[in-house]
Amino acid sequence: MSSPCGRVRRVGLFGGTHGNELSGVLLVRHWQRDGAEIQRAGVEVKPFLTNPRAVERCTRYIDCDLNRVFDPQSLGRPVVEDIPYEVRRAQEINHIFGPKGSDDAYDLIFDLHNTTSNMGGTIILENSRDDFTIQMVHYIKNALAPEPCPVLLIEHPSLKYATTRSVAKHPVGKYQT
């Protein structure tokens, strides 16, 4: 695969950003045991359980929503004893898959979620000007046809997203009912 910024060499597959959304958790655990189906020549694919404490308790989060703390203030916060668990985890994830906004960040992160909304399998994008993700979504939609695969664009001209997937150069969310 190539993208406007070069080849896609590193892909993160996230599950468990919200500990009570188990589809992504089950997939990540499966891929951690046997990753043969996700491995591709020339591409590092890393399945990753993002919020293990929340998953263990089967709750959305422990102290605060992990999918809201990838902002510069939280990522730059000093590590002290009373730092919220998810803020510390965001810093760890940013260290492993980022740093956010850098050339060293992972090329692509798929963040797998569940919802009780009647959305079916929906892909969430944050940037309509990201040619790579637009082309990738087109490929996915064609591969799944005739099954529907809605795409939700949550782009805002002045909002900087603080989601787990925003660490990557190309962030993609996948929601399943």
N, C-alpha and C. Protein backbone atom coordinates (compact mmCIF):
# COMPACT_ATOMS: atom_id res chain seq x y z
N MET A 1 0.84 -1.18 0.00
CA MET A 1 0.00 0.00 0.00
C MET A 1 0.87 1.23 0.00
N SER A 2 0.50 2.20 -0.74
CA SER A 2 1.22 3.47 -0.64
C SER A 2 0.23 4.57 -0.32
N SER A 3 0.74 5.61 0.26
CA SER A 3 -0.10 6.75 0.64
C SER A 3 0.61 8.01 0.21
N PRO A 4 -0.07 9.16 0.28
CA PRO A 4 0.59 10.41 -0.09
C PRO A 4 1.86 10.67 0.71
N CYS A 5 1.97 10.10 1.90
CA CYS A 5 3.17 10.33 2.71
C CYS A 5 4.10 9.13 2.67
N GLY A 6 3.98 8.28 1.68
CA GLY A 6 4.86 7.12 1.55
C GLY A 6 4.12 5.83 1.82
N ARG A 7 4.89 4.74 1.86
CA ARG A 7 4.28 3.42 2.10
C ARG A 7 3.71 3.32 3.51
N VAL A 8 2.64 2.57 3.62
CA VAL A 8 2.09 2.25 4.94
C VAL A 8 2.85 1.04 5.45
N ARG A 9 3.64 1.26 6.47
CA ARG A 9 4.51 0.21 7.00
C ARG A 9 4.09 -0.28 8.39
N ARG A 10 3.37 0.57 9.13
CA ARG A 10 2.98 0.19 10.49
C ARG A 10 1.50 0.49 10.72
N VAL A 11 0.78 -0.55 11.15
CA VAL A 11 -0.66 -0.45 11.38
C VAL A 11 -0.96 -0.94 12.79
N GLY A 12 -1.73 -0.16 13.53
CA GLY A 12 -2.20 -0.58 14.85
C GLY A 12 -3.67 -0.96 14.77
N LEU A 13 -4.01 -2.08 15.39
CA LEU A 13 -5.40 -2.52 15.49
C LEU A 13 -5.77 -2.47 16.97
N PHE A 14 -6.62 -1.50 17.33
CA PHE A 14 -6.94 -1.25 18.73
C PHE A 14 -8.29 -1.85 19.08
N GLY A 15 -8.36 -2.47 20.23
CA GLY A 15 -9.60 -2.93 20.82
C GLY A 15 -9.58 -2.64 22.30
N GLY A 16 -10.75 -2.37 22.86
CA GLY A 16 -10.83 -2.13 24.30
C GLY A 16 -10.59 -0.70 24.72
N THR A 17 -10.67 0.25 23.79
CA THR A 17 -10.59 1.65 24.19
C THR A 17 -11.65 1.93 25.25
N HIS A 18 -12.83 1.37 25.03
CA HIS A 18 -13.88 1.34 26.05
C HIS A 18 -14.02 -0.11 26.49
N GLY A 19 -13.77 -0.36 27.75
CA GLY A 19 -13.66 -1.72 28.27
C GLY A 19 -14.92 -2.56 28.20
N ASN A 20 -16.06 -1.93 27.96
CA ASN A 20 -17.31 -2.68 27.86
C ASN A 20 -17.73 -2.92 26.40
N GLU A 21 -16.86 -2.62 25.45
CA GLU A 21 -17.12 -2.86 24.03
C GLU A 21 -16.24 -4.04 23.60
N LEU A 22 -16.84 -5.22 23.60
CA LEU A 22 -16.04 -6.45 23.59
C LEU A 22 -15.66 -6.99 22.22
N SER A 23 -16.28 -6.53 21.13
CA SER A 23 -15.91 -7.08 19.81
C SER A 23 -14.44 -6.83 19.50
N GLY A 24 -14.00 -5.61 19.68
CA GLY A 24 -12.60 -5.28 19.43
C GLY A 24 -11.66 -6.00 20.38
N VAL A 25 -12.08 -6.16 21.63
CA VAL A 25 -11.28 -6.88 22.62
C VAL A 25 -11.07 -8.32 22.17
N LEU A 26 -12.15 -8.98 21.75
CA LEU A 26 -12.06 -10.37 21.33
C LEU A 26 -11.19 -10.52 20.09
N LEU A 27 -11.34 -9.60 19.13
CA LEU A 27 -10.50 -9.66 17.93
C LEU A 27 -9.03 -9.45 18.26
N VAL A 28 -8.73 -8.44 19.08
CA VAL A 28 -7.33 -8.17 19.44
C VAL A 28 -6.72 -9.38 20.15
N ARG A 29 -7.45 -9.95 21.09
CA ARG A 29 -6.92 -11.13 21.80
C ARG A 29 -6.69 -12.30 20.83
N HIS A 30 -7.62 -12.48 19.91
CA HIS A 30 -7.46 -13.53 18.90
C HIS A 30 -6.19 -13.28 18.07
N TRP A 31 -6.02 -12.05 17.60
CA TRP A 31 -4.86 -11.72 16.77
C TRP A 31 -3.56 -11.77 17.56
N GLN A 32 -3.61 -11.50 18.85
CA GLN A 32 -2.41 -11.61 19.66
C GLN A 32 -1.99 -13.08 19.82
N ARG A 33 -2.95 -13.97 19.87
CA ARG A 33 -2.65 -15.41 19.94
C ARG A 33 -2.20 -15.95 18.60
N ASP A 34 -2.88 -15.53 17.53
CA ASP A 34 -2.58 -16.02 16.19
C ASP A 34 -2.83 -14.89 15.19
N GLY A 35 -1.78 -14.22 14.83
CA GLY A 35 -1.89 -13.07 13.95
C GLY A 35 -1.71 -13.37 12.47
N ALA A 36 -1.75 -14.64 12.10
CA ALA A 36 -1.49 -15.00 10.70
C ALA A 36 -2.41 -14.29 9.73
N GLU A 37 -3.69 -14.13 10.07
CA GLU A 37 -4.64 -13.53 9.13
C GLU A 37 -4.46 -12.03 8.95
N ILE A 38 -3.72 -11.38 9.84
CA ILE A 38 -3.53 -9.93 9.69
C ILE A 38 -2.13 -9.56 9.22
N GLN A 39 -1.24 -10.52 9.12
CA GLN A 39 0.13 -10.23 8.71
C GLN A 39 0.24 -10.10 7.20
N ARG A 40 1.01 -9.13 6.76
CA ARG A 40 1.27 -8.88 5.35
C ARG A 40 2.75 -8.59 5.18
N ALA A 41 3.31 -9.03 4.08
CA ALA A 41 4.73 -8.77 3.81
C ALA A 41 4.98 -7.27 3.75
N GLY A 42 6.01 -6.84 4.42
CA GLY A 42 6.40 -5.43 4.38
C GLY A 42 5.58 -4.50 5.25
N VAL A 43 4.64 -5.06 6.03
CA VAL A 43 3.79 -4.24 6.91
C VAL A 43 3.80 -4.84 8.30
N GLU A 44 4.11 -4.02 9.29
CA GLU A 44 4.02 -4.44 10.69
C GLU A 44 2.60 -4.15 11.16
N VAL A 45 1.88 -5.18 11.59
CA VAL A 45 0.52 -5.02 12.11
C VAL A 45 0.53 -5.40 13.58
N LYS A 46 0.15 -4.46 14.44
CA LYS A 46 0.23 -4.68 15.88
C LYS A 46 -1.17 -4.62 16.50
N PRO A 47 -1.73 -5.77 16.89
CA PRO A 47 -2.99 -5.75 17.64
C PRO A 47 -2.69 -5.31 19.08
N PHE A 48 -3.55 -4.44 19.63
CA PHE A 48 -3.21 -3.81 20.91
C PHE A 48 -4.47 -3.59 21.74
N LEU A 49 -4.44 -4.06 22.98
CA LEU A 49 -5.53 -3.84 23.92
C LEU A 49 -5.29 -2.51 24.61
N THR A 50 -6.12 -1.52 24.32
CA THR A 50 -5.82 -0.15 24.73
C THR A 50 -6.11 0.16 26.19
N ASN A 51 -7.16 -0.40 26.76
CA ASN A 51 -7.53 -0.06 28.14
C ASN A 51 -7.76 -1.35 28.95
N PRO A 52 -6.68 -2.08 29.26
CA PRO A 52 -6.84 -3.39 29.90
C PRO A 52 -7.54 -3.37 31.25
N ARG A 53 -7.34 -2.34 32.05
CA ARG A 53 -8.03 -2.30 33.35
C ARG A 53 -9.54 -2.18 33.18
N ALA A 54 -9.97 -1.35 32.24
CA ALA A 54 -11.42 -1.21 31.99
C ALA A 54 -11.98 -2.49 31.40
N VAL A 55 -11.21 -3.15 30.54
CA VAL A 55 -11.64 -4.43 29.97
C VAL A 55 -11.81 -5.46 31.09
N GLU A 56 -10.85 -5.51 32.00
CA GLU A 56 -10.90 -6.46 33.11
C GLU A 56 -12.17 -6.26 33.93
N ARG A 57 -12.60 -5.02 34.10
CA ARG A 57 -13.80 -4.71 34.88
C ARG A 57 -15.06 -4.64 34.02
N CYS A 58 -14.88 -4.74 32.70
CA CYS A 58 -15.99 -4.64 31.74
C CYS A 58 -16.79 -3.36 31.97
N THR A 59 -16.05 -2.27 32.06
CA THR A 59 -16.64 -0.94 32.23
C THR A 59 -16.05 -0.01 31.18
N ARG A 60 -16.75 1.05 30.84
CA ARG A 60 -16.31 1.95 29.78
C ARG A 60 -14.90 2.49 30.06
N TYR A 61 -14.66 2.93 31.29
CA TYR A 61 -13.34 3.44 31.68
C TYR A 61 -13.19 3.35 33.19
N ILE A 62 -11.97 3.64 33.67
CA ILE A 62 -11.67 3.62 35.10
C ILE A 62 -11.83 5.01 35.69
N ASP A 63 -11.07 6.00 35.18
CA ASP A 63 -11.10 7.36 35.72
C ASP A 63 -11.71 8.37 34.75
N CYS A 64 -11.44 8.22 33.47
CA CYS A 64 -11.95 9.14 32.45
C CYS A 64 -11.91 8.44 31.10
N ASP A 65 -12.62 8.96 30.14
CA ASP A 65 -12.74 8.31 28.83
C ASP A 65 -11.41 8.38 28.08
N LEU A 66 -10.81 7.22 27.85
CA LEU A 66 -9.53 7.15 27.13
C LEU A 66 -9.63 7.80 25.75
N ASN A 67 -10.78 7.74 25.14
CA ASN A 67 -10.96 8.27 23.79
C ASN A 67 -11.13 9.79 23.77
N ARG A 68 -10.83 10.46 24.88
CA ARG A 68 -10.93 11.92 24.96
C ARG A 68 -9.67 12.58 25.51
N VAL A 69 -8.61 11.80 25.76
CA VAL A 69 -7.45 12.37 26.46
C VAL A 69 -6.16 12.35 25.64
N PHE A 70 -6.29 12.34 24.33
CA PHE A 70 -5.11 12.41 23.47
C PHE A 70 -4.88 13.84 22.99
N ASP A 71 -5.14 14.80 23.86
CA ASP A 71 -4.91 16.21 23.59
C ASP A 71 -3.52 16.57 24.13
N PRO A 72 -2.94 17.68 23.64
CA PRO A 72 -1.59 18.05 24.08
C PRO A 72 -1.46 18.21 25.59
N GLN A 73 -2.50 18.75 26.24
CA GLN A 73 -2.43 18.95 27.69
C GLN A 73 -2.31 17.63 28.43
N SER A 74 -3.13 16.65 28.08
CA SER A 74 -3.07 15.34 28.75
C SER A 74 -1.80 14.59 28.41
N LEU A 75 -1.41 14.61 27.12
CA LEU A 75 -0.21 13.88 26.71
C LEU A 75 1.05 14.47 27.32
N GLY A 76 1.04 15.77 27.62
CA GLY A 76 2.20 16.43 28.20
C GLY A 76 2.16 16.55 29.71
N ARG A 77 1.12 16.02 30.32
CA ARG A 77 0.94 16.13 31.77
C ARG A 77 2.04 15.37 32.51
N PRO A 78 2.58 15.95 33.57
CA PRO A 78 3.60 15.24 34.35
C PRO A 78 3.01 13.97 34.97
N VAL A 79 3.82 12.93 35.01
CA VAL A 79 3.37 11.67 35.61
C VAL A 79 3.58 11.78 37.12
N VAL A 80 2.47 11.87 37.81
CA VAL A 80 2.48 11.92 39.28
C VAL A 80 1.59 10.79 39.79
N GLU A 81 1.64 10.56 41.07
CA GLU A 81 0.93 9.42 41.65
C GLU A 81 -0.57 9.45 41.38
N ASP A 82 -1.19 10.62 41.43
CA ASP A 82 -2.64 10.69 41.29
C ASP A 82 -3.13 10.99 39.87
N ILE A 83 -2.27 10.80 38.88
CA ILE A 83 -2.68 11.02 37.49
C ILE A 83 -3.76 9.99 37.14
N PRO A 84 -4.85 10.42 36.47
CA PRO A 84 -5.88 9.44 36.09
C PRO A 84 -5.29 8.30 35.25
N TYR A 85 -5.79 7.10 35.49
CA TYR A 85 -5.28 5.92 34.80
C TYR A 85 -5.29 6.11 33.29
N GLU A 86 -6.40 6.58 32.72
CA GLU A 86 -6.49 6.70 31.27
C GLU A 86 -5.55 7.76 30.71
N VAL A 87 -5.24 8.80 31.46
CA VAL A 87 -4.28 9.80 30.99
C VAL A 87 -2.90 9.16 30.92
N ARG A 88 -2.54 8.40 31.94
CA ARG A 88 -1.25 7.69 31.93
C ARG A 88 -1.20 6.68 30.78
N ARG A 89 -2.32 5.99 30.57
CA ARG A 89 -2.38 5.02 29.47
C ARG A 89 -2.26 5.72 28.12
N ALA A 90 -2.89 6.89 27.97
CA ALA A 90 -2.76 7.66 26.73
C ALA A 90 -1.31 8.02 26.47
N GLN A 91 -0.59 8.40 27.51
CA GLN A 91 0.82 8.73 27.35
C GLN A 91 1.61 7.50 26.91
N GLU A 92 1.30 6.34 27.47
CA GLU A 92 1.98 5.10 27.08
C GLU A 92 1.68 4.75 25.61
N ILE A 93 0.42 4.87 25.23
CA ILE A 93 0.01 4.57 23.84
C ILE A 93 0.69 5.55 22.89
N ASN A 94 0.73 6.81 23.27
CA ASN A 94 1.39 7.82 22.44
C ASN A 94 2.88 7.51 22.29
N HIS A 95 3.49 6.99 23.34
CA HIS A 95 4.90 6.62 23.28
C HIS A 95 5.12 5.43 22.34
N ILE A 96 4.22 4.45 22.39
CA ILE A 96 4.36 3.24 21.57
C ILE A 96 4.01 3.50 20.11
N PHE A 97 2.92 4.22 19.85
CA PHE A 97 2.39 4.37 18.49
C PHE A 97 2.63 5.75 17.89
N GLY A 98 3.15 6.68 18.64
CA GLY A 98 3.37 8.04 18.18
C GLY A 98 4.84 8.34 18.09
N PRO A 99 5.17 9.56 18.49
CA PRO A 99 4.30 10.55 19.10
C PRO A 99 3.33 11.18 18.10
N LYS A 100 2.17 11.54 18.62
CA LYS A 100 1.11 12.12 17.81
C LYS A 100 1.63 13.32 17.04
N GLY A 101 1.30 13.36 15.76
CA GLY A 101 1.69 14.48 14.90
C GLY A 101 3.11 14.41 14.37
N SER A 102 3.82 13.32 14.65
CA SER A 102 5.21 13.21 14.21
C SER A 102 5.34 12.29 13.01
N ASP A 103 6.48 12.38 12.36
CA ASP A 103 6.79 11.46 11.25
C ASP A 103 6.98 10.03 11.75
N ASP A 104 7.27 9.87 13.04
CA ASP A 104 7.50 8.54 13.61
C ASP A 104 6.21 7.83 14.01
N ALA A 105 5.09 8.52 13.98
CA ALA A 105 3.81 7.92 14.39
C ALA A 105 3.44 6.78 13.44
N TYR A 106 2.67 5.82 13.97
CA TYR A 106 2.16 4.74 13.13
C TYR A 106 1.41 5.34 11.95
N ASP A 107 1.47 4.65 10.83
CA ASP A 107 0.81 5.15 9.63
C ASP A 107 -0.71 5.09 9.76
N LEU A 108 -1.22 4.02 10.34
CA LEU A 108 -2.66 3.80 10.37
C LEU A 108 -3.03 3.14 11.68
N ILE A 109 -4.10 3.63 12.30
CA ILE A 109 -4.69 2.96 13.46
C ILE A 109 -6.16 2.75 13.18
N PHE A 110 -6.60 1.49 13.29
CA PHE A 110 -8.01 1.12 13.28
C PHE A 110 -8.41 0.95 14.74
N ASP A 111 -9.35 1.73 15.21
CA ASP A 111 -9.84 1.62 16.58
C ASP A 111 -11.23 0.99 16.52
N LEU A 112 -11.35 -0.23 17.05
CA LEU A 112 -12.57 -1.02 16.92
C LEU A 112 -13.48 -0.80 18.12
N HIS A 113 -14.73 -0.43 17.86
CA HIS A 113 -15.72 -0.12 18.90
C HIS A 113 -17.02 -0.87 18.66
N ASN A 114 -17.86 -0.86 19.69
CA ASN A 114 -19.25 -1.31 19.59
C ASN A 114 -20.15 -0.14 19.91
N THR A 115 -21.39 -0.22 19.47
CA THR A 115 -22.39 0.77 19.83
C THR A 115 -23.74 0.09 19.90
N THR A 116 -24.63 0.69 20.66
CA THR A 116 -26.00 0.18 20.70
C THR A 116 -26.87 0.90 19.68
N SER A 117 -26.31 1.91 19.03
CA SER A 117 -27.04 2.60 17.95
C SER A 117 -27.19 1.67 16.77
N ASN A 118 -28.22 1.85 16.00
CA ASN A 118 -28.46 1.01 14.82
C ASN A 118 -27.63 1.54 13.65
N MET A 119 -26.32 1.38 13.75
CA MET A 119 -25.40 1.90 12.73
C MET A 119 -24.87 0.80 11.82
N GLY A 120 -25.10 -0.46 12.19
CA GLY A 120 -24.47 -1.54 11.44
C GLY A 120 -22.96 -1.42 11.59
N GLY A 121 -22.23 -1.86 10.59
CA GLY A 121 -20.78 -1.68 10.56
C GLY A 121 -20.47 -0.34 9.93
N THR A 122 -20.01 0.62 10.71
CA THR A 122 -19.78 1.98 10.24
C THR A 122 -18.33 2.38 10.43
N ILE A 123 -17.77 3.03 9.44
CA ILE A 123 -16.40 3.54 9.52
C ILE A 123 -16.47 5.03 9.85
N ILE A 124 -15.63 5.46 10.79
CA ILE A 124 -15.58 6.85 11.22
C ILE A 124 -14.28 7.48 10.74
N LEU A 125 -14.39 8.59 10.03
CA LEU A 125 -13.22 9.33 9.57
C LEU A 125 -13.24 10.74 10.15
N GLU A 126 -12.06 11.31 10.32
CA GLU A 126 -11.93 12.63 10.92
C GLU A 126 -11.44 13.69 9.94
N ASN A 127 -11.14 13.29 8.69
CA ASN A 127 -10.52 14.24 7.77
C ASN A 127 -10.89 13.89 6.33
N SER A 128 -11.65 14.74 5.69
CA SER A 128 -12.07 14.50 4.31
C SER A 128 -10.96 14.77 3.30
N ARG A 129 -9.84 15.32 3.76
CA ARG A 129 -8.73 15.63 2.86
C ARG A 129 -7.61 14.58 2.93
N ASP A 130 -7.86 13.51 3.66
CA ASP A 130 -6.88 12.44 3.78
C ASP A 130 -7.13 11.45 2.64
N ASP A 131 -6.42 11.64 1.54
CA ASP A 131 -6.64 10.81 0.35
C ASP A 131 -6.46 9.33 0.62
N PHE A 132 -5.51 8.98 1.47
CA PHE A 132 -5.27 7.57 1.74
C PHE A 132 -6.50 6.92 2.37
N THR A 133 -7.04 7.53 3.45
CA THR A 133 -8.18 6.90 4.11
C THR A 133 -9.42 6.91 3.22
N ILE A 134 -9.59 7.92 2.41
CA ILE A 134 -10.73 7.96 1.48
C ILE A 134 -10.62 6.79 0.50
N GLN A 135 -9.44 6.57 -0.05
CA GLN A 135 -9.25 5.45 -0.99
C GLN A 135 -9.40 4.11 -0.28
N MET A 136 -8.91 4.01 0.95
CA MET A 136 -9.03 2.77 1.70
C MET A 136 -10.50 2.45 1.99
N VAL A 137 -11.26 3.45 2.38
CA VAL A 137 -12.69 3.24 2.65
C VAL A 137 -13.41 2.82 1.37
N HIS A 138 -13.07 3.42 0.26
CA HIS A 138 -13.66 3.02 -1.02
C HIS A 138 -13.38 1.54 -1.29
N TYR A 139 -12.17 1.11 -1.05
CA TYR A 139 -11.79 -0.30 -1.23
C TYR A 139 -12.61 -1.20 -0.30
N ILE A 140 -12.71 -0.82 0.97
CA ILE A 140 -13.46 -1.62 1.94
C ILE A 140 -14.93 -1.72 1.55
N LYS A 141 -15.52 -0.60 1.17
CA LYS A 141 -16.93 -0.61 0.77
C LYS A 141 -17.16 -1.53 -0.43
N ASN A 142 -16.27 -1.49 -1.41
CA ASN A 142 -16.39 -2.37 -2.58
C ASN A 142 -16.20 -3.84 -2.19
N ALA A 143 -15.27 -4.11 -1.28
CA ALA A 143 -15.02 -5.48 -0.86
C ALA A 143 -16.21 -6.06 -0.09
N LEU A 144 -16.93 -5.23 0.62
CA LEU A 144 -18.07 -5.69 1.42
C LEU A 144 -19.38 -5.73 0.64
N ALA A 145 -19.42 -5.08 -0.50
CA ALA A 145 -20.66 -5.01 -1.28
C ALA A 145 -21.17 -6.41 -1.56
N PRO A 146 -22.45 -6.64 -1.48
CA PRO A 146 -23.54 -5.67 -1.39
C PRO A 146 -23.90 -5.29 0.04
N GLU A 147 -23.17 -5.77 1.05
CA GLU A 147 -23.46 -5.35 2.42
C GLU A 147 -23.17 -3.86 2.57
N PRO A 148 -24.04 -3.13 3.25
CA PRO A 148 -23.79 -1.69 3.42
C PRO A 148 -22.65 -1.45 4.42
N CYS A 149 -21.93 -0.39 4.21
CA CYS A 149 -20.86 0.03 5.12
C CYS A 149 -20.86 1.56 5.15
N PRO A 150 -21.73 2.14 5.97
CA PRO A 150 -21.79 3.60 6.04
C PRO A 150 -20.47 4.20 6.52
N VAL A 151 -20.22 5.42 6.09
CA VAL A 151 -19.04 6.17 6.52
C VAL A 151 -19.54 7.45 7.17
N LEU A 152 -19.06 7.71 8.37
CA LEU A 152 -19.42 8.92 9.10
C LEU A 152 -18.19 9.81 9.18
N LEU A 153 -18.30 11.00 8.66
CA LEU A 153 -17.22 11.98 8.71
C LEU A 153 -17.50 12.92 9.87
N ILE A 154 -16.60 12.98 10.83
CA ILE A 154 -16.80 13.84 12.00
C ILE A 154 -15.84 15.03 11.97
N GLU A 155 -15.58 15.52 10.79
CA GLU A 155 -14.63 16.61 10.59
C GLU A 155 -15.19 17.93 11.11
N HIS A 156 -14.31 18.70 11.72
CA HIS A 156 -14.67 20.03 12.19
C HIS A 156 -13.49 20.95 11.89
N PRO A 157 -13.74 22.14 11.36
CA PRO A 157 -12.63 23.00 10.91
C PRO A 157 -11.66 23.44 12.00
N SER A 158 -12.11 23.56 13.23
CA SER A 158 -11.20 24.04 14.27
C SER A 158 -10.99 23.05 15.41
N LEU A 159 -11.67 21.93 15.40
CA LEU A 159 -11.55 20.95 16.46
C LEU A 159 -10.40 19.99 16.18
N LYS A 160 -9.53 19.82 17.14
CA LYS A 160 -8.44 18.84 17.06
C LYS A 160 -8.86 17.63 17.87
N TYR A 161 -8.91 16.47 17.23
CA TYR A 161 -9.45 15.30 17.88
C TYR A 161 -8.47 14.71 18.89
N ALA A 162 -9.02 14.30 20.01
CA ALA A 162 -8.24 13.73 21.10
C ALA A 162 -8.56 12.25 21.27
N THR A 163 -8.90 11.57 20.16
CA THR A 163 -9.25 10.17 20.20
C THR A 163 -7.99 9.30 20.22
N THR A 164 -8.18 8.07 20.65
CA THR A 164 -7.09 7.10 20.68
C THR A 164 -6.42 6.98 19.32
N ARG A 165 -7.25 6.87 18.27
CA ARG A 165 -6.73 6.66 16.92
C ARG A 165 -6.03 7.89 16.36
N SER A 166 -6.24 9.06 16.96
CA SER A 166 -5.66 10.30 16.42
C SER A 166 -4.15 10.34 16.54
N VAL A 167 -3.55 9.38 17.23
CA VAL A 167 -2.08 9.29 17.31
C VAL A 167 -1.50 9.00 15.93
N ALA A 168 -2.22 8.23 15.11
CA ALA A 168 -1.71 7.81 13.80
C ALA A 168 -1.80 8.92 12.76
N LYS A 169 -1.01 8.75 11.72
CA LYS A 169 -1.09 9.67 10.57
C LYS A 169 -2.45 9.56 9.88
N HIS A 170 -3.02 8.35 9.89
CA HIS A 170 -4.32 8.09 9.26
C HIS A 170 -5.21 7.38 10.28
N PRO A 171 -6.03 8.13 11.04
CA PRO A 171 -6.90 7.51 12.04
C PRO A 171 -8.22 7.04 11.45
N VAL A 172 -8.65 5.84 11.84
CA VAL A 172 -9.92 5.28 11.36
C VAL A 172 -10.60 4.59 12.54
N GLY A 173 -11.88 4.91 12.74
CA GLY A 173 -12.68 4.21 13.74
C GLY A 173 -13.64 3.27 13.04
N LYS A 174 -13.89 2.14 13.66
CA LYS A 174 -14.83 1.16 13.12
C LYS A 174 -15.81 0.81 14.23
N TYR A 175 -17.08 1.08 13.97
CA TYR A 175 -18.13 0.81 14.95
C TYR A 175 -19.04 -0.30 14.44
N GLN A 176 -19.43 -1.18 15.34
CA GLN A 176 -20.27 -2.31 14.99
C GLN A 176 -21.42 -2.40 15.99
N THR A 177 -22.64 -2.58 15.48
CA THR A 177 -23.77 -2.78 16.38
C THR A 177 -23.85 -4.21 16.78
